Amino acid sequence: MKSKLFIGGSILLALAAFSGLMETMFYGDIDSEGVLQESLFLPLTFICLALSVTFYALSLIMQVKTRLTHN
C-alpha cells in the first residue's frame, strides 16, 4: 500500500504538469508592446513541483525508517 505522502506527491506532480500545460497553452507570450505575459500558473507549477519532490523524499525516508525499525 502506498503511503499518504506518496499519493500526495503524485497528486501535486499531476497538478504541476497541469499548471505547466496551462501556462504553455494560454500564457507566456510576448504581446505587441514587447511585454511578457505571465500568469499565476508558472509559479504554481514550480511550487507544486517542489512540494511533490519533497513529499516523495519524505515518503522514501519514512519507508527506509520503517524497514530499519522492523529488522
PDB file of N, CA and C in Angstrom:
ATOM      1  N   MET A   1       0.840  -1.182   0.000  1.00  0.00           N
ATOM      2  CA  MET A   1       0.000   0.000   0.000  1.00  0.00           C
ATOM      3  C   MET A   1       0.886   1.248   0.000  1.00  0.00           C
ATOM      4  N   LYS A   2       0.519   2.194  -0.809  1.00  0.00           N
ATOM      5  CA  LYS A   2       1.292   3.430  -0.903  1.00  0.00           C
ATOM      6  C   LYS A   2       0.955   4.343   0.271  1.00  0.00           C
ATOM      7  N   SER A   3       1.963   5.090   0.688  1.00  0.00           N
ATOM      8  CA  SER A   3       1.745   5.999   1.810  1.00  0.00           C
ATOM      9  C   SER A   3       0.997   7.249   1.357  1.00  0.00           C
ATOM     10  N   LYS A   4       0.461   7.960   2.325  1.00  0.00           N
ATOM     11  CA  LYS A   4      -0.261   9.196   2.021  1.00  0.00           C
ATOM     12  C   LYS A   4       0.678  10.241   1.432  1.00  0.00           C
ATOM     13  N   LEU A   5       1.935  10.228   1.849  1.00  0.00           N
ATOM     14  CA  LEU A   5       2.904  11.172   1.295  1.00  0.00           C
ATOM     15  C   LEU A   5       3.154  10.889  -0.187  1.00  0.00           C
ATOM     16  N   PHE A   6       3.248   9.612  -0.531  1.00  0.00           N
ATOM     17  CA  PHE A   6       3.465   9.246  -1.927  1.00  0.00           C
ATOM     18  C   PHE A   6       2.262   9.643  -2.781  1.00  0.00           C
ATOM     19  N   ILE A   7       1.066   9.381  -2.290  1.00  0.00           N
ATOM     20  CA  ILE A   7      -0.148   9.749  -3.020  1.00  0.00           C
ATOM     21  C   ILE A   7      -0.246  11.267  -3.148  1.00  0.00           C
ATOM     22  N   GLY A   8       0.050  11.984  -2.070  1.00  0.00           N
ATOM     23  CA  GLY A   8       0.046  13.449  -2.126  1.00  0.00           C
ATOM     24  C   GLY A   8       1.071  13.983  -3.105  1.00  0.00           C
ATOM     25  N   GLY A   9       2.253  13.366  -3.136  1.00  0.00           N
ATOM     26  CA  GLY A   9       3.284  13.768  -4.094  1.00  0.00           C
ATOM     27  C   GLY A   9       2.848  13.535  -5.524  1.00  0.00           C
ATOM     28  N   SER A  10       2.144  12.425  -5.753  1.00  0.00           N
ATOM     29  CA  SER A  10       1.649  12.126  -7.095  1.00  0.00           C
ATOM     30  C   SER A  10       0.588  13.133  -7.534  1.00  0.00           C
ATOM     31  N   ILE A  11      -0.294  13.499  -6.613  1.00  0.00           N
ATOM     32  CA  ILE A  11      -1.322  14.493  -6.930  1.00  0.00           C
ATOM     33  C   ILE A  11      -0.674  15.844  -7.232  1.00  0.00           C
ATOM     34  N   LEU A  12       0.304  16.230  -6.421  1.00  0.00           N
ATOM     35  CA  LEU A  12       0.985  17.508  -6.662  1.00  0.00           C
ATOM     36  C   LEU A  12       1.759  17.500  -7.971  1.00  0.00           C
ATOM     37  N   LEU A  13       2.339  16.357  -8.321  1.00  0.00           N
ATOM     38  CA  LEU A  13       3.050  16.254  -9.588  1.00  0.00           C
ATOM     39  C   LEU A  13       2.082  16.401 -10.763  1.00  0.00           C
ATOM     40  N   ALA A  14       0.901  15.811 -10.642  1.00  0.00           N
ATOM     41  CA  ALA A  14      -0.116  15.957 -11.690  1.00  0.00           C
ATOM     42  C   ALA A  14      -0.571  17.416 -11.785  1.00  0.00           C
ATOM     43  N   LEU A  15      -0.744  18.078 -10.638  1.00  0.00           N
ATOM     44  CA  LEU A  15      -1.122  19.499 -10.650  1.00  0.00           C
ATOM     45  C   LEU A  15      -0.021  20.357 -11.272  1.00  0.00           C
ATOM     46  N   ALA A  16       1.229  20.023 -11.005  1.00  0.00           N
ATOM     47  CA  ALA A  16       2.340  20.760 -11.602  1.00  0.00           C
ATOM     48  C   ALA A  16       2.333  20.594 -13.116  1.00  0.00           C
ATOM     49  N   ALA A  17       2.091  19.376 -13.582  1.00  0.00           N
ATOM     50  CA  ALA A  17       2.038  19.139 -15.029  1.00  0.00           C
ATOM     51  C   ALA A  17       0.873  19.892 -15.656  1.00  0.00           C
ATOM     52  N   PHE A  18      -0.272  19.870 -14.999  1.00  0.00           N
ATOM     53  CA  PHE A  18      -1.451  20.593 -15.500  1.00  0.00           C
ATOM     54  C   PHE A  18      -1.192  22.095 -15.545  1.00  0.00           C
ATOM     55  N   SER A  19      -0.598  22.645 -14.487  1.00  0.00           N
ATOM     56  CA  SER A  19      -0.303  24.082 -14.449  1.00  0.00           C
ATOM     57  C   SER A  19       0.703  24.462 -15.530  1.00  0.00           C
ATOM     58  N   GLY A  20       1.716  23.627 -15.716  1.00  0.00           N
ATOM     59  CA  GLY A  20       2.695  23.891 -16.764  1.00  0.00           C
ATOM     60  C   GLY A  20       2.078  23.853 -18.146  1.00  0.00           C
ATOM     61  N   LEU A  21       1.169  22.920 -18.344  1.00  0.00           N
ATOM     62  CA  LEU A  21       0.472  22.832 -19.618  1.00  0.00           C
ATOM     63  C   LEU A  21      -0.403  24.061 -19.855  1.00  0.00           C
ATOM     64  N   MET A  22      -1.101  24.500 -18.825  1.00  0.00           N
ATOM     65  CA  MET A  22      -1.952  25.687 -18.954  1.00  0.00           C
ATOM     66  C   MET A  22      -1.105  26.927 -19.251  1.00  0.00           C
ATOM     67  N   GLU A  23       0.039  27.026 -18.595  1.00  0.00           N
ATOM     68  CA  GLU A  23       0.931  28.165 -18.847  1.00  0.00           C
ATOM     69  C   GLU A  23       1.411  28.160 -20.293  1.00  0.00           C
ATOM     70  N   THR A  24       1.770  26.991 -20.789  1.00  0.00           N
ATOM     71  CA  THR A  24       2.272  26.883 -22.155  1.00  0.00           C
ATOM     72  C   THR A  24       1.189  27.161 -23.183  1.00  0.00           C
ATOM     73  N   MET A  25      -0.016  26.686 -22.902  1.00  0.00           N
ATOM     74  CA  MET A  25      -1.094  26.829 -23.884  1.00  0.00           C
ATOM     75  C   MET A  25      -1.666  28.246 -23.947  1.00  0.00           C
ATOM     76  N   PHE A  26      -1.827  28.895 -22.803  1.00  0.00           N
ATOM     77  CA  PHE A  26      -2.576  30.154 -22.777  1.00  0.00           C
ATOM     78  C   PHE A  26      -1.739  31.400 -22.479  1.00  0.00           C
ATOM     79  N   TYR A  27      -0.567  31.236 -21.883  1.00  0.00           N
ATOM     80  CA  TYR A  27       0.231  32.400 -21.491  1.00  0.00           C
ATOM     81  C   TYR A  27       1.672  32.213 -21.940  1.00  0.00           C
ATOM     82  N   GLY A  28       2.525  33.112 -21.507  1.00  0.00           N
ATOM     83  CA  GLY A  28       3.943  33.009 -21.798  1.00  0.00           C
ATOM     84  C   GLY A  28       4.351  33.643 -23.114  1.00  0.00           C
ATOM     85  N   ASP A  29       3.475  34.407 -23.718  1.00  0.00           N
ATOM     86  CA  ASP A  29       3.795  35.068 -24.971  1.00  0.00           C
ATOM     87  C   ASP A  29       4.261  36.498 -24.718  1.00  0.00           C
ATOM     88  N   ILE A  30       4.836  37.068 -25.745  1.00  0.00           N
ATOM     89  CA  ILE A  30       5.198  38.484 -25.696  1.00  0.00           C
ATOM     90  C   ILE A  30       4.161  39.223 -26.531  1.00  0.00           C
ATOM     91  N   ASP A  31       3.520  40.217 -25.917  1.00  0.00           N
ATOM     92  CA  ASP A  31       2.458  40.928 -26.642  1.00  0.00           C
ATOM     93  C   ASP A  31       3.051  41.923 -27.635  1.00  0.00           C
ATOM     94  N   SER A  32       2.186  42.654 -28.297  1.00  0.00           N
ATOM     95  CA  SER A  32       2.614  43.577 -29.357  1.00  0.00           C
ATOM     96  C   SER A  32       3.461  44.731 -28.833  1.00  0.00           C
ATOM     97  N   GLU A  33       3.360  45.024 -27.534  1.00  0.00           N
ATOM     98  CA  GLU A  33       4.147  46.105 -26.941  1.00  0.00           C
ATOM     99  C   GLU A  33       5.475  45.604 -26.363  1.00  0.00           C
ATOM    100  N   GLY A  34       5.762  44.314 -26.520  1.00  0.00           N
ATOM    101  CA  GLY A  34       7.022  43.751 -26.042  1.00  0.00           C
ATOM    102  C   GLY A  34       7.002  43.358 -24.577  1.00  0.00           C
ATOM    103  N   VAL A  35       5.812  43.235 -23.979  1.00  0.00           N
ATOM    104  CA  VAL A  35       5.689  42.872 -22.569  1.00  0.00           C
ATOM    105  C   VAL A  35       5.409  41.377 -22.471  1.00  0.00           C
ATOM    106  N   LEU A  36       6.159  40.699 -21.633  1.00  0.00           N
ATOM    107  CA  LEU A  36       5.966  39.268 -21.422  1.00  0.00           C
ATOM    108  C   LEU A  36       4.693  39.038 -20.618  1.00  0.00           C
ATOM    109  N   GLN A  37       3.797  38.228 -21.140  1.00  0.00           N
ATOM    110  CA  GLN A  37       2.531  37.926 -20.473  1.00  0.00           C
ATOM    111  C   GLN A  37       2.691  36.631 -19.667  1.00  0.00           C
ATOM    112  N   GLU A  38       2.668  36.747 -18.375  1.00  0.00           N
ATOM    113  CA  GLU A  38       2.774  35.580 -17.494  1.00  0.00           C
ATOM    114  C   GLU A  38       1.509  35.483 -16.662  1.00  0.00           C
ATOM    115  N   SER A  39       1.304  34.332 -16.080  1.00  0.00           N
ATOM    116  CA  SER A  39       0.130  34.112 -15.251  1.00  0.00           C
ATOM    117  C   SER A  39       0.567  33.501 -13.932  1.00  0.00           C
ATOM    118  N   LEU A  40      -0.408  33.192 -13.125  1.00  0.00           N
ATOM    119  CA  LEU A  40      -0.147  32.534 -11.849  1.00  0.00           C
ATOM    120  C   LEU A  40       0.235  31.069 -12.049  1.00  0.00           C
ATOM    121  N   PHE A  41      -0.019  30.522 -13.239  1.00  0.00           N
ATOM    122  CA  PHE A  41       0.273  29.117 -13.480  1.00  0.00           C
ATOM    123  C   PHE A  41       1.766  28.795 -13.401  1.00  0.00           C
ATOM    124  N   LEU A  42       2.620  29.717 -13.818  1.00  0.00           N
ATOM    125  CA  LEU A  42       4.060  29.435 -13.813  1.00  0.00           C
ATOM    126  C   LEU A  42       4.599  29.252 -12.394  1.00  0.00           C
ATOM    127  N   PRO A  43       4.368  30.189 -11.462  1.00  0.00           N
ATOM    128  CA  PRO A  43       4.858  29.941 -10.103  1.00  0.00           C
ATOM    129  C   PRO A  43       4.160  28.750  -9.447  1.00  0.00           C
ATOM    130  N   LEU A  44       2.888  28.548  -9.778  1.00  0.00           N
ATOM    131  CA  LEU A  44       2.158  27.412  -9.233  1.00  0.00           C
ATOM    132  C   LEU A  44       2.773  26.093  -9.700  1.00  0.00           C
ATOM    133  N   THR A  45       3.253  26.062 -10.932  1.00  0.00           N
ATOM    134  CA  THR A  45       3.926  24.872 -11.453  1.00  0.00           C
ATOM    135  C   THR A  45       5.150  24.542 -10.618  1.00  0.00           C
ATOM    136  N   PHE A  46       5.978  25.534 -10.355  1.00  0.00           N
ATOM    137  CA  PHE A  46       7.209  25.283  -9.608  1.00  0.00           C
ATOM    138  C   PHE A  46       6.945  24.974  -8.134  1.00  0.00           C
ATOM    139  N   ILE A  47       5.937  25.600  -7.558  1.00  0.00           N
ATOM    140  CA  ILE A  47       5.595  25.313  -6.162  1.00  0.00           C
ATOM    141  C   ILE A  47       5.100  23.878  -6.030  1.00  0.00           C
ATOM    142  N   CYS A  48       4.205  23.470  -6.904  1.00  0.00           N
ATOM    143  CA  CYS A  48       3.687  22.095  -6.859  1.00  0.00           C
ATOM    144  C   CYS A  48       4.790  21.084  -7.143  1.00  0.00           C
ATOM    145  N   LEU A  49       5.680  21.401  -8.064  1.00  0.00           N
ATOM    146  CA  LEU A  49       6.790  20.501  -8.379  1.00  0.00           C
ATOM    147  C   LEU A  49       7.724  20.349  -7.183  1.00  0.00           C
ATOM    148  N   ALA A  50       8.058  21.453  -6.529  1.00  0.00           N
ATOM    149  CA  ALA A  50       8.939  21.393  -5.360  1.00  0.00           C
ATOM    150  C   ALA A  50       8.292  20.616  -4.214  1.00  0.00           C
ATOM    151  N   LEU A  51       7.002  20.842  -3.998  1.00  0.00           N
ATOM    152  CA  LEU A  51       6.299  20.112  -2.946  1.00  0.00           C
ATOM    153  C   LEU A  51       6.205  18.624  -3.261  1.00  0.00           C
ATOM    154  N   SER A  52       5.987  18.285  -4.526  1.00  0.00           N
ATOM    155  CA  SER A  52       5.895  16.867  -4.877  1.00  0.00           C
ATOM    156  C   SER A  52       7.229  16.164  -4.666  1.00  0.00           C
ATOM    157  N   VAL A  53       8.333  16.812  -5.019  1.00  0.00           N
ATOM    158  CA  VAL A  53       9.658  16.218  -4.775  1.00  0.00           C
ATOM    159  C   VAL A  53       9.887  16.056  -3.272  1.00  0.00           C
ATOM    160  N   THR A  54       9.473  17.047  -2.494  1.00  0.00           N
ATOM    161  CA  THR A  54       9.603  16.965  -1.034  1.00  0.00           C
ATOM    162  C   THR A  54       8.769  15.823  -0.480  1.00  0.00           C
ATOM    163  N   PHE A  55       7.533  15.688  -0.946  1.00  0.00           N
ATOM    164  CA  PHE A  55       6.671  14.599  -0.475  1.00  0.00           C
ATOM    165  C   PHE A  55       7.243  13.245  -0.846  1.00  0.00           C
ATOM    166  N   TYR A  56       7.776  13.103  -2.062  1.00  0.00           N
ATOM    167  CA  TYR A  56       8.389  11.836  -2.474  1.00  0.00           C
ATOM    168  C   TYR A  56       9.605  11.513  -1.602  1.00  0.00           C
ATOM    169  N   ALA A  57      10.420  12.522  -1.322  1.00  0.00           N
ATOM    170  CA  ALA A  57      11.600  12.300  -0.479  1.00  0.00           C
ATOM    171  C   ALA A  57      11.192  11.888   0.940  1.00  0.00           C
ATOM    172  N   LEU A  58      10.198  12.557   1.494  1.00  0.00           N
ATOM    173  CA  LEU A  58       9.719  12.187   2.833  1.00  0.00           C
ATOM    174  C   LEU A  58       9.126  10.789   2.841  1.00  0.00           C
ATOM    175  N   SER A  59       8.423  10.418   1.789  1.00  0.00           N
ATOM    176  CA  SER A  59       7.863   9.080   1.679  1.00  0.00           C
ATOM    177  C   SER A  59       8.972   8.034   1.655  1.00  0.00           C
ATOM    178  N   LEU A  60      10.023   8.313   0.900  1.00  0.00           N
ATOM    179  CA  LEU A  60      11.157   7.391   0.837  1.00  0.00           C
ATOM    180  C   LEU A  60      11.849   7.277   2.183  1.00  0.00           C
ATOM    181  N   ILE A  61      12.039   8.400   2.866  1.00  0.00           N
ATOM    182  CA  ILE A  61      12.667   8.388   4.187  1.00  0.00           C
ATOM    183  C   ILE A  61      11.834   7.588   5.177  1.00  0.00           C
ATOM    184  N   MET A  62      10.521   7.768   5.121  1.00  0.00           N
ATOM    185  CA  MET A  62       9.636   7.025   6.030  1.00  0.00           C
ATOM    186  C   MET A  62       9.683   5.522   5.741  1.00  0.00           C
ATOM    187  N   GLN A  63       9.770   5.124   4.474  1.00  0.00           N
ATOM    188  CA  GLN A  63       9.858   3.713   4.131  1.00  0.00           C
ATOM    189  C   GLN A  63      11.149   3.102   4.653  1.00  0.00           C
ATOM    190  N   VAL A  64      12.259   3.814   4.472  1.00  0.00           N
ATOM    191  CA  VAL A  64      13.548   3.310   4.963  1.00  0.00           C
ATOM    192  C   VAL A  64      13.532   3.228   6.470  1.00  0.00           C
ATOM    193  N   LYS A  65      12.995   4.233   7.135  1.00  0.00           N
ATOM    194  CA  LYS A  65      12.932   4.250   8.595  1.00  0.00           C
ATOM    195  C   LYS A  65      12.084   3.088   9.108  1.00  0.00           C
ATOM    196  N   THR A  66      10.952   2.825   8.450  1.00  0.00           N
ATOM    197  CA  THR A  66      10.079   1.724   8.855  1.00  0.00           C
ATOM    198  C   THR A  66      10.768   0.381   8.681  1.00  0.00           C
ATOM    199  N   ARG A  67      11.486   0.207   7.583  1.00  0.00           N
ATOM    200  CA  ARG A  67      12.205  -1.069   7.346  1.00  0.00           C
ATOM    201  C   ARG A  67      13.325  -1.264   8.342  1.00  0.00           C
ATOM    202  N   LEU A  68      13.993  -0.184   8.716  1.00  0.00           N
ATOM    203  CA  LEU A  68      15.089  -0.308   9.688  1.00  0.00           C
ATOM    204  C   LEU A  68      14.595  -0.633  11.080  1.00  0.00           C
ATOM    205  N   THR A  69      13.455  -0.100  11.450  1.00  0.00           N
ATOM    206  CA  THR A  69      12.933  -0.350  12.796  1.00  0.00           C
ATOM    207  C   THR A  69      12.294  -1.737  12.911  1.00  0.00           C
ATOM    208  N   HIS A  70      11.872  -2.325  11.791  1.00  0.00           N
ATOM    209  CA  HIS A  70      11.237  -3.639  11.848  1.00  0.00           C
ATOM    210  C   HIS A  70      12.258  -4.759  11.776  1.00  0.00           C
ATOM    211  N   ASN A  71      13.502  -4.465  11.510  1.00  0.00           N
ATOM    212  CA  ASN A  71      14.562  -5.509  11.445  1.00  0.00           C
ATOM    213  C   ASN A  71      15.264  -5.653  12.746  1.00  0.00           C
TER     214      ASN A  71
END
